[in-house]
Amino acid sequence: RLTVDALKVLATAPARALKEMVLDRYGDYVVVFDADTDAVPV
């Protein structure tokens, strides 16, 4: 659990196009497919 008391934006990050990434469910798991890499975060 994390409580945030204040949030300050130091710089904006470039937003990636959603078409480059896909979220998928494997039962109780979520994976992120990214067109730029074969590695898949789970």
ModelCIF file with pLDDT and N, C-alpha, C, O atoms, coordinates in Angstrom:
data_MODEL
#
_entry.id   MODEL 
#
_entity.id                         1 
_entity.type                       polymer 
_entity.pdbx_number_of_molecules   1 
#
_entity_poly.entity_id                      1 
_entity_poly.type                           'polypeptide(L)' 
_entity_poly.nstd_linkage                   no 
_entity_poly.nstd_monomer                   no 
_entity_poly.pdbx_seq_one_letter_code       RLTVDALKVLATAPARALKEMVLDRYGDYVVVFDADTDAVPV 
_entity_poly.pdbx_seq_one_letter_code_can   RLTVDALKVLATAPARALKEMVLDRYGDYVVVFDADTDAVPV 
_entity_poly.pdbx_strand_id                 A 
#
loop_
_entity_poly_seq.entity_id 
_entity_poly_seq.num 
_entity_poly_seq.mon_id 
_entity_poly_seq.hetero 
1 1  ARG n 
1 2  LEU n 
1 3  THR n 
1 4  VAL n 
1 5  ASP n 
1 6  ALA n 
1 7  LEU n 
1 8  LYS n 
1 9  VAL n 
1 10 LEU n 
1 11 ALA n 
1 12 THR n 
1 13 ALA n 
1 14 PRO n 
1 15 ALA n 
1 16 ARG n 
1 17 ALA n 
1 18 LEU n 
1 19 LYS n 
1 20 GLU n 
1 21 MET n 
1 22 VAL n 
1 23 LEU n 
1 24 ASP n 
1 25 ARG n 
1 26 TYR n 
1 27 GLY n 
1 28 ASP n 
1 29 TYR n 
1 30 VAL n 
1 31 VAL n 
1 32 VAL n 
1 33 PHE n 
1 34 ASP n 
1 35 ALA n 
1 36 ASP n 
1 37 THR n 
1 38 ASP n 
1 39 ALA n 
1 40 VAL n 
1 41 PRO n 
1 42 VAL n 
#
_struct_asym.id          A 
_struct_asym.entity_id   1 
#
loop_
_ma_qa_metric.id 
_ma_qa_metric.mode 
_ma_qa_metric.name 
_ma_qa_metric.software_group_id 
_ma_qa_metric.type 
1 global pLDDT . pLDDT 
2 local  pLDDT . pLDDT 
#
_ma_qa_metric_global.metric_id      1 
_ma_qa_metric_global.metric_value   82.55 
_ma_qa_metric_global.model_id       1 
_ma_qa_metric_global.ordinal_id     1 
#
loop_
_ma_qa_metric_local.label_asym_id 
_ma_qa_metric_local.label_comp_id 
_ma_qa_metric_local.label_seq_id 
_ma_qa_metric_local.metric_id 
_ma_qa_metric_local.metric_value 
_ma_qa_metric_local.model_id 
_ma_qa_metric_local.ordinal_id 
A ARG 1  2 84.00 1 1  
A LEU 2  2 80.00 1 2  
A THR 3  2 86.00 1 3  
A VAL 4  2 81.00 1 4  
A ASP 5  2 87.00 1 5  
A ALA 6  2 87.00 1 6  
A LEU 7  2 79.00 1 7  
A LYS 8  2 84.00 1 8  
A VAL 9  2 80.00 1 9  
A LEU 10 2 81.00 1 10 
A ALA 11 2 77.00 1 11 
A THR 12 2 74.00 1 12 
A ALA 13 2 68.00 1 13 
A PRO 14 2 67.00 1 14 
A ALA 15 2 60.00 1 15 
A ARG 16 2 58.00 1 16 
A ALA 17 2 59.00 1 17 
A LEU 18 2 56.00 1 18 
A LYS 19 2 63.00 1 19 
A GLU 20 2 74.00 1 20 
A MET 21 2 82.00 1 21 
A VAL 22 2 87.00 1 22 
A LEU 23 2 88.00 1 23 
A ASP 24 2 90.00 1 24 
A ARG 25 2 92.00 1 25 
A TYR 26 2 89.00 1 26 
A GLY 27 2 90.00 1 27 
A ASP 28 2 92.00 1 28 
A TYR 29 2 94.00 1 29 
A VAL 30 2 93.00 1 30 
A VAL 31 2 94.00 1 31 
A VAL 32 2 91.00 1 32 
A PHE 33 2 91.00 1 33 
A ASP 34 2 88.00 1 34 
A ALA 35 2 83.00 1 35 
A ASP 36 2 84.00 1 36 
A THR 37 2 87.00 1 37 
A ASP 38 2 91.00 1 38 
A ALA 39 2 93.00 1 39 
A VAL 40 2 94.00 1 40 
A PRO 41 2 94.00 1 41 
A VAL 42 2 95.00 1 42 
#
loop_
_atom_site.group_PDB 
_atom_site.id 
_atom_site.type_symbol 
_atom_site.label_atom_id 
_atom_site.label_alt_id 
_atom_site.label_comp_id 
_atom_site.label_asym_id 
_atom_site.label_entity_id 
_atom_site.label_seq_id 
_atom_site.pdbx_PDB_ins_code 
_atom_site.Cartn_x 
_atom_site.Cartn_y 
_atom_site.Cartn_z 
_atom_site.occupancy 
_atom_site.B_iso_or_equiv 
_atom_site.pdbx_formal_charge 
_atom_site.auth_seq_id 
_atom_site.auth_comp_id 
_atom_site.auth_asym_id 
_atom_site.auth_atom_id 
_atom_site.pdbx_PDB_model_num 
ATOM 1   N N  . ARG A 1 1  ? 0.857  -1.192  0.000   1.00 84.00 ? 1  ARG A N  1 
ATOM 2   C CA . ARG A 1 1  ? 0.000  0.000   0.000   1.00 84.00 ? 1  ARG A CA 1 
ATOM 3   C C  . ARG A 1 1  ? 0.888  1.237   0.000   1.00 84.00 ? 1  ARG A C  1 
ATOM 4   O O  . ARG A 1 1  ? 1.910  1.273   0.686   1.00 84.00 ? 1  ARG A O  1 
ATOM 5   N N  . LEU A 1 2  ? 0.507  2.228   -0.755  1.00 80.00 ? 2  LEU A N  1 
ATOM 6   C CA . LEU A 1 2  ? 1.282  3.452   -0.878  1.00 80.00 ? 2  LEU A CA 1 
ATOM 7   C C  . LEU A 1 2  ? 0.337  4.640   -0.774  1.00 80.00 ? 2  LEU A C  1 
ATOM 8   O O  . LEU A 1 2  ? -0.707 4.665   -1.426  1.00 80.00 ? 2  LEU A O  1 
ATOM 9   N N  . THR A 1 3  ? 0.697  5.618   0.037   1.00 86.00 ? 3  THR A N  1 
ATOM 10  C CA . THR A 1 3  ? -0.077 6.842   0.161   1.00 86.00 ? 3  THR A CA 1 
ATOM 11  C C  . THR A 1 3  ? 0.736  7.983   -0.439  1.00 86.00 ? 3  THR A C  1 
ATOM 12  O O  . THR A 1 3  ? 1.891  8.197   -0.072  1.00 86.00 ? 3  THR A O  1 
ATOM 13  N N  . VAL A 1 4  ? 0.121  8.709   -1.361  1.00 81.00 ? 4  VAL A N  1 
ATOM 14  C CA . VAL A 1 4  ? 0.785  9.840   -2.000  1.00 81.00 ? 4  VAL A CA 1 
ATOM 15  C C  . VAL A 1 4  ? 0.175  11.118  -1.440  1.00 81.00 ? 4  VAL A C  1 
ATOM 16  O O  . VAL A 1 4  ? -1.033 11.331  -1.537  1.00 81.00 ? 4  VAL A O  1 
ATOM 17  N N  . ASP A 1 5  ? 1.021  11.971  -0.851  1.00 87.00 ? 5  ASP A N  1 
ATOM 18  C CA . ASP A 1 5  ? 0.551  13.235  -0.294  1.00 87.00 ? 5  ASP A CA 1 
ATOM 19  C C  . ASP A 1 5  ? 0.606  14.370  -1.308  1.00 87.00 ? 5  ASP A C  1 
ATOM 20  O O  . ASP A 1 5  ? -0.209 15.291  -1.264  1.00 87.00 ? 5  ASP A O  1 
ATOM 21  N N  . ALA A 1 6  ? 1.571  14.298  -2.223  1.00 87.00 ? 6  ALA A N  1 
ATOM 22  C CA . ALA A 1 6  ? 1.705  15.348  -3.229  1.00 87.00 ? 6  ALA A CA 1 
ATOM 23  C C  . ALA A 1 6  ? 2.348  14.751  -4.477  1.00 87.00 ? 6  ALA A C  1 
ATOM 24  O O  . ALA A 1 6  ? 3.120  13.795  -4.402  1.00 87.00 ? 6  ALA A O  1 
ATOM 25  N N  . LEU A 1 7  ? 2.019  15.322  -5.599  1.00 79.00 ? 7  LEU A N  1 
ATOM 26  C CA . LEU A 1 7  ? 2.550  14.853  -6.862  1.00 79.00 ? 7  LEU A CA 1 
ATOM 27  C C  . LEU A 1 7  ? 2.976  16.066  -7.674  1.00 79.00 ? 7  LEU A C  1 
ATOM 28  O O  . LEU A 1 7  ? 2.196  16.995  -7.883  1.00 79.00 ? 7  LEU A O  1 
ATOM 29  N N  . LYS A 1 8  ? 4.214  16.045  -8.126  1.00 84.00 ? 8  LYS A N  1 
ATOM 30  C CA . LYS A 1 8  ? 4.736  17.167  -8.897  1.00 84.00 ? 8  LYS A CA 1 
ATOM 31  C C  . LYS A 1 8  ? 5.292  16.628  -10.217 1.00 84.00 ? 8  LYS A C  1 
ATOM 32  O O  . LYS A 1 8  ? 6.109  15.708  -10.212 1.00 84.00 ? 8  LYS A O  1 
ATOM 33  N N  . VAL A 1 9  ? 4.861  17.188  -11.333 1.00 80.00 ? 9  VAL A N  1 
ATOM 34  C CA . VAL A 1 9  ? 5.347  16.781  -12.638 1.00 80.00 ? 9  VAL A CA 1 
ATOM 35  C C  . VAL A 1 9  ? 6.638  17.540  -12.920 1.00 80.00 ? 9  VAL A C  1 
ATOM 36  O O  . VAL A 1 9  ? 6.638  18.767  -13.018 1.00 80.00 ? 9  VAL A O  1 
ATOM 37  N N  . LEU A 1 10 ? 7.734  16.804  -13.048 1.00 81.00 ? 10 LEU A N  1 
ATOM 38  C CA . LEU A 1 10 ? 9.028  17.428  -13.323 1.00 81.00 ? 10 LEU A CA 1 
ATOM 39  C C  . LEU A 1 10 ? 9.229  17.647  -14.818 1.00 81.00 ? 10 LEU A C  1 
ATOM 40  O O  . LEU A 1 10 ? 9.804  18.652  -15.235 1.00 81.00 ? 10 LEU A O  1 
ATOM 41  N N  . ALA A 1 11 ? 8.754  16.706  -15.612 1.00 77.00 ? 11 ALA A N  1 
ATOM 42  C CA . ALA A 1 11 ? 8.832  16.829  -17.069 1.00 77.00 ? 11 ALA A CA 1 
ATOM 43  C C  . ALA A 1 11 ? 7.854  15.830  -17.662 1.00 77.00 ? 11 ALA A C  1 
ATOM 44  O O  . ALA A 1 11 ? 7.582  14.789  -17.063 1.00 77.00 ? 11 ALA A O  1 
ATOM 45  N N  . THR A 1 12 ? 7.337  16.139  -18.810 1.00 74.00 ? 12 THR A N  1 
ATOM 46  C CA . THR A 1 12 ? 6.411  15.215  -19.451 1.00 74.00 ? 12 THR A CA 1 
ATOM 47  C C  . THR A 1 12 ? 7.195  14.170  -20.230 1.00 74.00 ? 12 THR A C  1 
ATOM 48  O O  . THR A 1 12 ? 8.247  14.459  -20.799 1.00 74.00 ? 12 THR A O  1 
ATOM 49  N N  . ALA A 1 13 ? 6.681  12.987  -20.245 1.00 68.00 ? 13 ALA A N  1 
ATOM 50  C CA . ALA A 1 13 ? 7.302  11.894  -20.999 1.00 68.00 ? 13 ALA A CA 1 
ATOM 51  C C  . ALA A 1 13 ? 6.562  11.732  -22.318 1.00 68.00 ? 13 ALA A C  1 
ATOM 52  O O  . ALA A 1 13 ? 5.356  11.967  -22.392 1.00 68.00 ? 13 ALA A O  1 
ATOM 53  N N  . PRO A 1 14 ? 7.278  11.334  -23.346 1.00 67.00 ? 14 PRO A N  1 
ATOM 54  C CA . PRO A 1 14 ? 6.574  11.118  -24.612 1.00 67.00 ? 14 PRO A CA 1 
ATOM 55  C C  . PRO A 1 14 ? 5.623  9.931   -24.475 1.00 67.00 ? 14 PRO A C  1 
ATOM 56  O O  . PRO A 1 14 ? 6.007  8.875   -23.971 1.00 67.00 ? 14 PRO A O  1 
ATOM 57  N N  . ALA A 1 15 ? 4.407  10.105  -24.917 1.00 60.00 ? 15 ALA A N  1 
ATOM 58  C CA . ALA A 1 15 ? 3.416  9.036   -24.836 1.00 60.00 ? 15 ALA A CA 1 
ATOM 59  C C  . ALA A 1 15 ? 3.621  8.076   -26.000 1.00 60.00 ? 15 ALA A C  1 
ATOM 60  O O  . ALA A 1 15 ? 3.787  8.488   -27.148 1.00 60.00 ? 15 ALA A O  1 
ATOM 61  N N  . ARG A 1 16 ? 3.606  6.797   -25.679 1.00 58.00 ? 16 ARG A N  1 
ATOM 62  C CA . ARG A 1 16 ? 3.732  5.783   -26.726 1.00 58.00 ? 16 ARG A CA 1 
ATOM 63  C C  . ARG A 1 16 ? 2.352  5.510   -27.303 1.00 58.00 ? 16 ARG A C  1 
ATOM 64  O O  . ARG A 1 16 ? 1.347  5.523   -26.592 1.00 58.00 ? 16 ARG A O  1 
ATOM 65  N N  . ALA A 1 17 ? 2.325  5.269   -28.571 1.00 59.00 ? 17 ALA A N  1 
ATOM 66  C CA . ALA A 1 17 ? 1.058  4.941   -29.222 1.00 59.00 ? 17 ALA A CA 1 
ATOM 67  C C  . ALA A 1 17 ? 0.576  3.591   -28.716 1.00 59.00 ? 17 ALA A C  1 
ATOM 68  O O  . ALA A 1 17 ? 1.355  2.641   -28.635 1.00 59.00 ? 17 ALA A O  1 
ATOM 69  N N  . LEU A 1 18 ? -0.703 3.505   -28.375 1.00 56.00 ? 18 LEU A N  1 
ATOM 70  C CA . LEU A 1 18 ? -1.254 2.260   -27.859 1.00 56.00 ? 18 LEU A CA 1 
ATOM 71  C C  . LEU A 1 18 ? -1.198 1.135   -28.883 1.00 56.00 ? 18 LEU A C  1 
ATOM 72  O O  . LEU A 1 18 ? -1.219 -0.038  -28.511 1.00 56.00 ? 18 LEU A O  1 
ATOM 73  N N  . LYS A 1 19 ? -1.129 1.470   -30.153 1.00 63.00 ? 19 LYS A N  1 
ATOM 74  C CA . LYS A 1 19 ? -1.083 0.421   -31.163 1.00 63.00 ? 19 LYS A CA 1 
ATOM 75  C C  . LYS A 1 19 ? 0.208  -0.396  -31.071 1.00 63.00 ? 19 LYS A C  1 
ATOM 76  O O  . LYS A 1 19 ? 0.281  -1.497  -31.616 1.00 63.00 ? 19 LYS A O  1 
ATOM 77  N N  . GLU A 1 20 ? 1.227  0.136   -30.384 1.00 74.00 ? 20 GLU A N  1 
ATOM 78  C CA . GLU A 1 20 ? 2.496  -0.570  -30.236 1.00 74.00 ? 20 GLU A CA 1 
ATOM 79  C C  . GLU A 1 20 ? 2.464  -1.593  -29.105 1.00 74.00 ? 20 GLU A C  1 
ATOM 80  O O  . GLU A 1 20 ? 3.311  -2.484  -29.061 1.00 74.00 ? 20 GLU A O  1 
ATOM 81  N N  . MET A 1 21 ? 1.495  -1.480  -28.182 1.00 82.00 ? 21 MET A N  1 
ATOM 82  C CA . MET A 1 21 ? 1.428  -2.375  -27.039 1.00 82.00 ? 21 MET A CA 1 
ATOM 83  C C  . MET A 1 21 ? 0.044  -2.995  -26.933 1.00 82.00 ? 21 MET A C  1 
ATOM 84  O O  . MET A 1 21 ? -0.967 -2.377  -27.268 1.00 82.00 ? 21 MET A O  1 
ATOM 85  N N  . VAL A 1 22 ? 0.027  -4.237  -26.455 1.00 87.00 ? 22 VAL A N  1 
ATOM 86  C CA . VAL A 1 22 ? -1.230 -4.954  -26.267 1.00 87.00 ? 22 VAL A CA 1 
ATOM 87  C C  . VAL A 1 22 ? -1.199 -5.637  -24.912 1.00 87.00 ? 22 VAL A C  1 
ATOM 88  O O  . VAL A 1 22 ? -0.241 -6.339  -24.586 1.00 87.00 ? 22 VAL A O  1 
ATOM 89  N N  . LEU A 1 23 ? -2.256 -5.432  -24.114 1.00 88.00 ? 23 LEU A N  1 
ATOM 90  C CA . LEU A 1 23 ? -2.407 -6.146  -22.846 1.00 88.00 ? 23 LEU A CA 1 
ATOM 91  C C  . LEU A 1 23 ? -3.246 -7.391  -23.107 1.00 88.00 ? 23 LEU A C  1 
ATOM 92  O O  . LEU A 1 23 ? -4.213 -7.355  -23.867 1.00 88.00 ? 23 LEU A O  1 
ATOM 93  N N  . ASP A 1 24 ? -2.860 -8.493  -22.465 1.00 90.00 ? 24 ASP A N  1 
ATOM 94  C CA . ASP A 1 24 ? -3.618 -9.726  -22.620 1.00 90.00 ? 24 ASP A CA 1 
ATOM 95  C C  . ASP A 1 24 ? -3.693 -10.430 -21.280 1.00 90.00 ? 24 ASP A C  1 
ATOM 96  O O  . ASP A 1 24 ? -2.795 -10.285 -20.451 1.00 90.00 ? 24 ASP A O  1 
ATOM 97  N N  . ARG A 1 25 ? -4.759 -11.192 -21.059 1.00 92.00 ? 25 ARG A N  1 
ATOM 98  C CA . ARG A 1 25 ? -4.949 -11.930 -19.810 1.00 92.00 ? 25 ARG A CA 1 
ATOM 99  C C  . ARG A 1 25 ? -4.625 -13.394 -20.027 1.00 92.00 ? 25 ARG A C  1 
ATOM 100 O O  . ARG A 1 25 ? -4.989 -13.978 -21.047 1.00 92.00 ? 25 ARG A O  1 
ATOM 101 N N  . TYR A 1 26 ? -3.940 -13.980 -19.063 1.00 89.00 ? 26 TYR A N  1 
ATOM 102 C CA . TYR A 1 26 ? -3.706 -15.419 -18.994 1.00 89.00 ? 26 TYR A CA 1 
ATOM 103 C C  . TYR A 1 26 ? -4.264 -15.853 -17.652 1.00 89.00 ? 26 TYR A C  1 
ATOM 104 O O  . TYR A 1 26 ? -3.503 -16.017 -16.698 1.00 89.00 ? 26 TYR A O  1 
ATOM 105 N N  . GLY A 1 27 ? -5.566 -16.042 -17.552 1.00 90.00 ? 27 GLY A N  1 
ATOM 106 C CA . GLY A 1 27 ? -6.200 -16.391 -16.280 1.00 90.00 ? 27 GLY A CA 1 
ATOM 107 C C  . GLY A 1 27 ? -6.023 -15.262 -15.284 1.00 90.00 ? 27 GLY A C  1 
ATOM 108 O O  . GLY A 1 27 ? -6.544 -14.165 -15.486 1.00 90.00 ? 27 GLY A O  1 
ATOM 109 N N  . ASP A 1 28 ? -5.281 -15.526 -14.197 1.00 92.00 ? 28 ASP A N  1 
ATOM 110 C CA . ASP A 1 28 ? -5.034 -14.525 -13.157 1.00 92.00 ? 28 ASP A CA 1 
ATOM 111 C C  . ASP A 1 28 ? -3.820 -13.648 -13.459 1.00 92.00 ? 28 ASP A C  1 
ATOM 112 O O  . ASP A 1 28 ? -3.339 -12.933 -12.580 1.00 92.00 ? 28 ASP A O  1 
ATOM 113 N N  . TYR A 1 29 ? -3.331 -13.697 -14.673 1.00 94.00 ? 29 TYR A N  1 
ATOM 114 C CA . TYR A 1 29 ? -2.117 -12.962 -15.041 1.00 94.00 ? 29 TYR A CA 1 
ATOM 115 C C  . TYR A 1 29 ? -2.385 -12.009 -16.193 1.00 94.00 ? 29 TYR A C  1 
ATOM 116 O O  . TYR A 1 29 ? -3.270 -12.241 -17.017 1.00 94.00 ? 29 TYR A O  1 
ATOM 117 N N  . VAL A 1 30 ? -1.605 -10.930 -16.241 1.00 93.00 ? 30 VAL A N  1 
ATOM 118 C CA . VAL A 1 30 ? -1.686 -9.942  -17.313 1.00 93.00 ? 30 VAL A CA 1 
ATOM 119 C C  . VAL A 1 30 ? -0.300 -9.837  -17.943 1.00 93.00 ? 30 VAL A C  1 
ATOM 120 O O  . VAL A 1 30 ? 0.708  -9.764  -17.238 1.00 93.00 ? 30 VAL A O  1 
ATOM 121 N N  . VAL A 1 31 ? -0.258 -9.830  -19.261 1.00 94.00 ? 31 VAL A N  1 
ATOM 122 C CA . VAL A 1 31 ? 1.009  -9.697  -19.975 1.00 94.00 ? 31 VAL A CA 1 
ATOM 123 C C  . VAL A 1 31 ? 0.924  -8.483  -20.900 1.00 94.00 ? 31 VAL A C  1 
ATOM 124 O O  . VAL A 1 31 ? -0.158 -8.078  -21.324 1.00 94.00 ? 31 VAL A O  1 
ATOM 125 N N  . VAL A 1 32 ? 2.097  -7.912  -21.202 1.00 91.00 ? 32 VAL A N  1 
ATOM 126 C CA . VAL A 1 32 ? 2.160  -6.727  -22.054 1.00 91.00 ? 32 VAL A CA 1 
ATOM 127 C C  . VAL A 1 32 ? 3.019  -7.057  -23.265 1.00 91.00 ? 32 VAL A C  1 
ATOM 128 O O  . VAL A 1 32 ? 4.233  -7.225  -23.151 1.00 91.00 ? 32 VAL A O  1 
ATOM 129 N N  . PHE A 1 33 ? 2.380  -7.147  -24.420 1.00 91.00 ? 33 PHE A N  1 
ATOM 130 C CA . PHE A 1 33 ? 3.112  -7.376  -25.660 1.00 91.00 ? 33 PHE A CA 1 
ATOM 131 C C  . PHE A 1 33 ? 3.500  -6.026  -26.253 1.00 91.00 ? 33 PHE A C  1 
ATOM 132 O O  . PHE A 1 33 ? 2.666  -5.128  -26.376 1.00 91.00 ? 33 PHE A O  1 
ATOM 133 N N  . ASP A 1 34 ? 4.772  -5.892  -26.619 1.00 88.00 ? 34 ASP A N  1 
ATOM 134 C CA . ASP A 1 34 ? 5.300  -4.657  -27.185 1.00 88.00 ? 34 ASP A CA 1 
ATOM 135 C C  . ASP A 1 34 ? 5.929  -4.990  -28.532 1.00 88.00 ? 34 ASP A C  1 
ATOM 136 O O  . ASP A 1 34 ? 6.765  -5.890  -28.620 1.00 88.00 ? 34 ASP A O  1 
ATOM 137 N N  . ALA A 1 35 ? 5.538  -4.278  -29.576 1.00 83.00 ? 35 ALA A N  1 
ATOM 138 C CA . ALA A 1 35 ? 6.042  -4.545  -30.918 1.00 83.00 ? 35 ALA A CA 1 
ATOM 139 C C  . ALA A 1 35 ? 7.552  -4.331  -31.039 1.00 83.00 ? 35 ALA A C  1 
ATOM 140 O O  . ALA A 1 35 ? 8.177  -4.867  -31.954 1.00 83.00 ? 35 ALA A O  1 
ATOM 141 N N  . ASP A 1 36 ? 8.145  -3.552  -30.126 1.00 84.00 ? 36 ASP A N  1 
ATOM 142 C CA . ASP A 1 36 ? 9.562  -3.229  -30.217 1.00 84.00 ? 36 ASP A CA 1 
ATOM 143 C C  . ASP A 1 36 ? 10.481 -4.273  -29.592 1.00 84.00 ? 36 ASP A C  1 
ATOM 144 O O  . ASP A 1 36 ? 11.698 -4.187  -29.754 1.00 84.00 ? 36 ASP A O  1 
ATOM 145 N N  . THR A 1 37 ? 9.924  -5.267  -28.876 1.00 87.00 ? 37 THR A N  1 
ATOM 146 C CA . THR A 1 37 ? 10.766 -6.247  -28.196 1.00 87.00 ? 37 THR A CA 1 
ATOM 147 C C  . THR A 1 37 ? 10.064 -7.592  -28.104 1.00 87.00 ? 37 THR A C  1 
ATOM 148 O O  . THR A 1 37 ? 8.835  -7.662  -28.112 1.00 87.00 ? 37 THR A O  1 
ATOM 149 N N  . ASP A 1 38 ? 10.853 -8.663  -28.015 1.00 91.00 ? 38 ASP A N  1 
ATOM 150 C CA . ASP A 1 38 ? 10.286 -10.000 -27.833 1.00 91.00 ? 38 ASP A CA 1 
ATOM 151 C C  . ASP A 1 38 ? 9.980  -10.272 -26.367 1.00 91.00 ? 38 ASP A C  1 
ATOM 152 O O  . ASP A 1 38 ? 9.140  -11.117 -26.059 1.00 91.00 ? 38 ASP A O  1 
ATOM 153 N N  . ALA A 1 39 ? 10.658 -9.562  -25.451 1.00 93.00 ? 39 ALA A N  1 
ATOM 154 C CA . ALA A 1 39 ? 10.451 -9.774  -24.021 1.00 93.00 ? 39 ALA A CA 1 
ATOM 155 C C  . ALA A 1 39 ? 9.033  -9.359  -23.630 1.00 93.00 ? 39 ALA A C  1 
ATOM 156 O O  . ALA A 1 39 ? 8.493  -8.386  -24.154 1.00 93.00 ? 39 ALA A O  1 
ATOM 157 N N  . VAL A 1 40 ? 8.434  -10.119 -22.690 1.00 94.00 ? 40 VAL A N  1 
ATOM 158 C CA . VAL A 1 40 ? 7.047  -9.882  -22.303 1.00 94.00 ? 40 VAL A CA 1 
ATOM 159 C C  . VAL A 1 40 ? 6.957  -9.753  -20.779 1.00 94.00 ? 40 VAL A C  1 
ATOM 160 O O  . VAL A 1 40 ? 7.159  -10.741 -20.074 1.00 94.00 ? 40 VAL A O  1 
ATOM 161 N N  . PRO A 1 41 ? 6.657  -8.550  -20.251 1.00 94.00 ? 41 PRO A N  1 
ATOM 162 C CA . PRO A 1 41 ? 6.459  -8.400  -18.812 1.00 94.00 ? 41 PRO A CA 1 
ATOM 163 C C  . PRO A 1 41 ? 5.188  -9.132  -18.381 1.00 94.00 ? 41 PRO A C  1 
ATOM 164 O O  . PRO A 1 41 ? 4.171  -9.098  -19.073 1.00 94.00 ? 41 PRO A O  1 
ATOM 165 N N  . VAL A 1 42 ? 5.267  -9.797  -17.221 1.00 95.00 ? 42 VAL A N  1 
ATOM 166 C CA . VAL A 1 42 ? 4.132  -10.559 -16.709 1.00 95.00 ? 42 VAL A CA 1 
ATOM 167 C C  . VAL A 1 42 ? 3.832  -10.099 -15.282 1.00 95.00 ? 42 VAL A C  1 
ATOM 168 O O  . VAL A 1 42 ? 2.907  -10.610 -14.651 1.00 95.00 ? 42 VAL A O  1 
#
